[in-house]
Amino acid sequence: MAATKDKSDPQSEKLDSLLRATQDLFILQALLAGVNVDDVRKILKIDKHRVSNISKHLKNAKQR
């Protein structure tokens, strides 16, 4: 049986932040390698909005 998420647990909060940072790095590297936004979303099983936010930052950096 899966344990319920308890946000007051400091270990759970640390693991969530590590997971999010790792996913962000994966998204960044995948987009730089030319992987489609929708494919990245499917691989990580996350919201497309999160992937597109990072994609927007990459596009802005390339324009500078």
Protein backbone atom coordinates (compact mmCIF):
# COMPACT_ATOMS: atom_id res chain seq x y z
CA MET A 1 0.00 0.00 0.00
CA ALA A 2 1.37 3.41 -0.96
CA ALA A 3 2.06 5.93 1.75
CA THR A 4 0.19 9.20 1.64
CA LYS A 5 2.14 12.39 0.97
CA ASP A 6 2.69 14.37 4.12
CA LYS A 7 4.01 17.84 3.30
CA SER A 8 5.12 18.36 6.90
CA ASP A 9 7.73 15.63 6.48
CA PRO A 10 11.10 17.33 5.85
CA GLN A 11 12.54 14.31 4.03
CA SER A 12 9.58 14.25 1.67
CA GLU A 13 10.03 17.94 0.91
CA LYS A 14 13.74 17.45 0.17
CA LEU A 15 13.05 14.49 -2.09
CA ASP A 16 10.34 16.42 -3.95
CA SER A 17 12.70 19.33 -4.55
CA LEU A 18 15.45 16.97 -5.75
CA LEU A 19 13.03 15.22 -8.08
CA ARG A 20 11.84 18.52 -9.52
CA ALA A 21 15.41 19.78 -10.06
CA THR A 22 16.43 16.53 -11.74
CA GLN A 23 13.40 16.66 -14.01
CA ASP A 24 14.17 20.28 -14.90
CA LEU A 25 17.72 19.34 -15.85
CA PHE A 26 16.45 16.44 -17.95
CA ILE A 27 13.97 18.74 -19.70
CA LEU A 28 16.70 21.27 -20.40
CA GLN A 29 19.11 18.72 -21.83
CA ALA A 30 16.43 16.98 -23.88
CA LEU A 31 15.27 20.27 -25.41
CA LEU A 32 18.86 21.26 -26.20
CA ALA A 33 19.29 17.88 -27.91
CA GLY A 34 16.26 18.61 -30.07
CA VAL A 35 13.66 16.37 -28.47
CA ASN A 36 10.06 17.46 -29.06
CA VAL A 37 8.25 19.11 -26.11
CA ASP A 38 5.44 16.56 -26.24
CA ASP A 39 7.91 13.67 -26.23
CA VAL A 40 9.67 15.05 -23.15
CA ARG A 41 6.30 15.38 -21.41
CA LYS A 42 5.44 11.76 -22.24
CA ILE A 43 8.80 10.47 -21.01
CA LEU A 44 8.56 12.22 -17.64
CA LYS A 45 4.76 11.95 -17.36
CA ILE A 46 4.45 15.59 -16.33
CA ASP A 47 2.37 18.58 -17.35
CA LYS A 48 3.12 20.09 -20.76
CA HIS A 49 3.00 23.55 -19.21
CA ARG A 50 6.12 22.80 -17.17
CA VAL A 51 8.08 21.69 -20.23
CA SER A 52 6.98 24.67 -22.28
CA ASN A 53 8.06 27.08 -19.51
CA ILE A 54 11.62 25.80 -19.75
CA SER A 55 11.39 25.86 -23.55
CA LYS A 56 10.42 29.54 -23.42
CA HIS A 57 13.51 30.34 -21.37
CA LEU A 58 15.71 28.58 -23.92
CA LYS A 59 14.16 30.53 -26.79
CA ASN A 60 14.70 33.82 -24.94
CA ALA A 61 18.35 32.94 -24.24
CA LYS A 62 18.98 32.12 -27.91
CA GLN A 63 17.55 35.48 -29.01
CA ARG A 64 20.00 37.45 -26.85
